Amino acid sequence: MDVDKIIADLRHEREQIEEAIEVLERLAQGRGKRRGRRPGWMKEAEERRKTRESEE
């Protein structure tokens, strides 16, 4: 059993959960239908996710 790997996996999972909570909180604030481009924070979150996936 590799404890260091388990800890790293749990930290990664925690980051994903925190990001999901953050996105859901922001979506709950602005429930109305919007037009135009996505908000900058949403684009940044997607870019962070893509870079993390490419590192794996």
C-alpha atoms as a PDB file:
ATOM      1  CA  MET A   1       0.000   0.000   0.000  1.00  0.00           C
ATOM      2  CA  ASP A   2       1.567   3.282  -1.141  1.00  0.00           C
ATOM      3  CA  VAL A   3       0.396   5.894   1.353  1.00  0.00           C
ATOM      4  CA  ASP A   4       1.986   8.792  -0.553  1.00  0.00           C
ATOM      5  CA  LYS A   5       0.046   7.902  -3.699  1.00  0.00           C
ATOM      6  CA  ILE A   6      -3.200   7.631  -1.734  1.00  0.00           C
ATOM      7  CA  ILE A   7      -2.602  11.064  -0.191  1.00  0.00           C
ATOM      8  CA  ALA A   8      -1.847  12.593  -3.594  1.00  0.00           C
ATOM      9  CA  ASP A   9      -5.006  11.048  -5.064  1.00  0.00           C
ATOM     10  CA  LEU A  10      -7.120  12.358  -2.189  1.00  0.00           C
ATOM     11  CA  ARG A  11      -5.665  15.858  -2.547  1.00  0.00           C
ATOM     12  CA  HIS A  12      -6.432  15.810  -6.262  1.00  0.00           C
ATOM     13  CA  GLU A  13      -9.967  14.657  -5.577  1.00  0.00           C
ATOM     14  CA  ARG A  14     -10.401  17.393  -2.961  1.00  0.00           C
ATOM     15  CA  GLU A  15      -9.339  20.027  -5.518  1.00  0.00           C
ATOM     16  CA  GLN A  16     -11.915  18.711  -7.975  1.00  0.00           C
ATOM     17  CA  ILE A  17     -14.647  18.783  -5.337  1.00  0.00           C
ATOM     18  CA  GLU A  18     -13.744  22.337  -4.307  1.00  0.00           C
ATOM     19  CA  GLU A  19     -13.880  23.469  -7.932  1.00  0.00           C
ATOM     20  CA  ALA A  20     -17.252  21.790  -8.429  1.00  0.00           C
ATOM     21  CA  ILE A  21     -18.622  23.508  -5.332  1.00  0.00           C
ATOM     22  CA  GLU A  22     -17.282  26.851  -6.529  1.00  0.00           C
ATOM     23  CA  VAL A  23     -18.897  26.464  -9.956  1.00  0.00           C
ATOM     24  CA  LEU A  24     -22.218  25.392  -8.459  1.00  0.00           C
ATOM     25  CA  GLU A  25     -22.219  28.351  -6.059  1.00  0.00           C
ATOM     26  CA  ARG A  26     -21.596  30.764  -8.914  1.00  0.00           C
ATOM     27  CA  LEU A  27     -24.286  29.144 -11.034  1.00  0.00           C
ATOM     28  CA  ALA A  28     -26.746  29.423  -8.151  1.00  0.00           C
ATOM     29  CA  GLN A  29     -26.064  33.175  -7.923  1.00  0.00           C
ATOM     30  CA  GLY A  30     -26.826  33.876 -11.561  1.00  0.00           C
ATOM     31  CA  ARG A  31     -29.777  31.676 -12.390  1.00  0.00           C
ATOM     32  CA  GLY A  32     -31.165  33.793 -15.227  1.00  0.00           C
ATOM     33  CA  LYS A  33     -30.580  32.833 -18.852  1.00  0.00           C
ATOM     34  CA  ARG A  34     -27.642  34.717 -20.280  1.00  0.00           C
ATOM     35  CA  ARG A  35     -26.585  35.592 -23.755  1.00  0.00           C
ATOM     36  CA  GLY A  36     -23.103  36.029 -25.132  1.00  0.00           C
ATOM     37  CA  ARG A  37     -19.791  34.568 -24.083  1.00  0.00           C
ATOM     38  CA  ARG A  38     -19.126  32.513 -21.013  1.00  0.00           C
ATOM     39  CA  PRO A  39     -17.891  34.343 -17.923  1.00  0.00           C
ATOM     40  CA  GLY A  40     -14.115  34.551 -17.525  1.00  0.00           C
ATOM     41  CA  TRP A  41     -14.114  32.505 -14.325  1.00  0.00           C
ATOM     42  CA  MET A  42     -15.785  29.603 -16.143  1.00  0.00           C
ATOM     43  CA  LYS A  43     -13.223  29.687 -18.940  1.00  0.00           C
ATOM     44  CA  GLU A  44     -10.364  29.744 -16.393  1.00  0.00           C
ATOM     45  CA  ALA A  45     -11.820  26.756 -14.526  1.00  0.00           C
ATOM     46  CA  GLU A  46     -12.033  24.781 -17.759  1.00  0.00           C
ATOM     47  CA  GLU A  47      -8.438  25.653 -18.686  1.00  0.00           C
ATOM     48  CA  ARG A  48      -7.209  24.551 -15.236  1.00  0.00           C
ATOM     49  CA  ARG A  49      -9.062  21.264 -15.637  1.00  0.00           C
ATOM     50  CA  LYS A  50      -7.570  20.660 -19.078  1.00  0.00           C
ATOM     51  CA  THR A  51      -4.015  21.360 -17.914  1.00  0.00           C
ATOM     52  CA  ARG A  52      -4.466  19.017 -14.940  1.00  0.00           C
ATOM     53  CA  GLU A  53      -5.788  16.268 -17.212  1.00  0.00           C
ATOM     54  CA  SER A  54      -2.858  16.652 -19.610  1.00  0.00           C
ATOM     55  CA  GLU A  55      -0.382  16.368 -16.702  1.00  0.00           C
ATOM     56  CA  GLU A  56      -1.735  12.953 -15.743  1.00  0.00           C
END
